[in-house]
């Protein structure tokens, strides 16, 4: 039996406006390929983002997680620059 290899990346940032940051990232989480899951939420002045990619036997999916993380970090920087 073949095991399903996956990659899970978690980002945690402490910021007083974590609620606004999470909301600004939410539109990016609406749709995507079925092997990619993105979730961003906030709690107690912390922003949490979790990105998971399943079935990593396909090398293109590894590139997919890299590109997704890059997009999240670029958007996160833009949000932080605009509120500070």
Protein backbone atom coordinates (compact mmCIF):
# COMPACT_ATOMS: atom_id res chain seq x y z
CA UNK A 1 0.00 0.00 0.00
CA UNK A 2 1.35 3.39 -1.03
CA UNK A 3 1.30 6.14 1.56
CA UNK A 4 0.01 9.57 0.63
CA UNK A 5 2.91 11.98 1.12
CA UNK A 6 1.95 15.51 2.07
CA UNK A 7 3.53 18.77 3.16
CA UNK A 8 2.04 21.06 5.79
CA UNK A 9 3.43 24.57 6.38
CA UNK A 10 2.31 26.78 9.25
CA UNK A 11 2.89 30.52 9.54
CA UNK A 12 2.25 32.36 12.81
CA UNK A 13 2.59 36.12 13.22
CA UNK A 14 1.79 38.23 16.25
CA UNK A 15 0.18 41.53 15.30
CA UNK A 16 -2.41 43.77 16.95
CA UNK A 17 -4.41 43.92 13.69
CA UNK A 18 -4.42 40.17 13.08
CA UNK A 19 -8.21 40.23 12.51
CA UNK A 20 -7.83 42.66 9.58
CA UNK A 21 -4.84 40.80 8.17
CA UNK A 22 -6.70 37.48 8.21
CA UNK A 23 -9.72 39.06 6.53
CA UNK A 24 -7.56 40.62 3.82
CA UNK A 25 -6.01 37.23 3.02
CA UNK A 26 -9.38 35.43 2.98
CA UNK A 27 -10.31 36.17 -0.68
CA UNK A 28 -7.28 34.14 -1.78
CA UNK A 29 -8.70 31.11 0.02
CA UNK A 30 -11.90 30.82 -2.02
CA UNK A 31 -10.88 28.22 -4.58
CA UNK A 32 -7.94 26.20 -5.74
CA UNK A 33 -6.93 22.72 -6.81
CA UNK A 34 -8.34 19.88 -4.71
CA UNK A 35 -4.87 18.80 -3.52
CA UNK A 36 -4.12 22.23 -1.98
CA UNK A 37 -5.70 23.52 1.22
CA UNK A 38 -5.15 27.05 2.58
CA UNK A 39 -6.59 28.37 5.81
CA UNK A 40 -5.87 31.69 7.56
CA UNK A 41 -7.45 32.72 10.85
CA UNK A 42 -6.74 34.89 13.88
CA UNK A 43 -6.87 34.49 17.64
CA UNK A 44 -5.61 36.69 20.47
CA UNK A 45 -3.62 39.11 18.28
CA UNK A 46 -2.03 36.28 16.32
CA UNK A 47 -2.45 35.40 12.67
CA UNK A 48 -2.23 31.75 11.67
CA UNK A 49 -1.94 30.43 8.14
CA UNK A 50 -1.81 26.76 7.26
CA UNK A 51 -0.99 25.48 3.78
CA UNK A 52 -1.22 21.77 3.01
CA UNK A 53 -0.48 19.92 -0.23
CA UNK A 54 -1.29 16.23 -0.63
CA UNK A 55 -0.01 13.54 -3.00
CA UNK A 56 3.51 14.90 -3.41
CA UNK A 57 4.48 12.11 -5.79
CA UNK A 58 3.75 14.66 -8.52
CA UNK A 59 6.75 17.10 -8.51
CA UNK A 60 4.56 19.95 -9.78
CA UNK A 61 2.72 19.91 -6.45
CA UNK A 62 5.92 20.77 -4.59
CA UNK A 63 6.24 23.82 -6.83
CA UNK A 64 2.59 24.57 -6.08
CA UNK A 65 3.21 24.84 -2.32
CA UNK A 66 6.27 27.05 -2.94
CA UNK A 67 4.28 29.39 -5.17
CA UNK A 68 1.35 29.48 -2.74
CA UNK A 69 3.61 30.37 0.19
CA UNK A 70 5.29 33.03 -1.91
CA UNK A 71 1.88 34.56 -2.78
CA UNK A 72 0.79 34.54 0.88
CA UNK A 73 4.01 36.20 2.02
CA UNK A 74 3.82 38.87 -0.71
CA UNK A 75 0.20 39.65 0.22
CA UNK A 76 1.05 39.62 3.90
CA UNK A 77 3.87 42.13 3.38
CA UNK A 78 1.56 44.38 1.35
CA UNK A 79 -1.09 44.31 4.09
CA UNK A 80 1.44 45.01 6.83
CA UNK A 81 2.95 47.89 4.81
CA UNK A 82 -0.50 49.41 4.28
CA UNK A 83 -1.60 49.31 7.95
CA UNK A 84 1.62 50.52 9.54
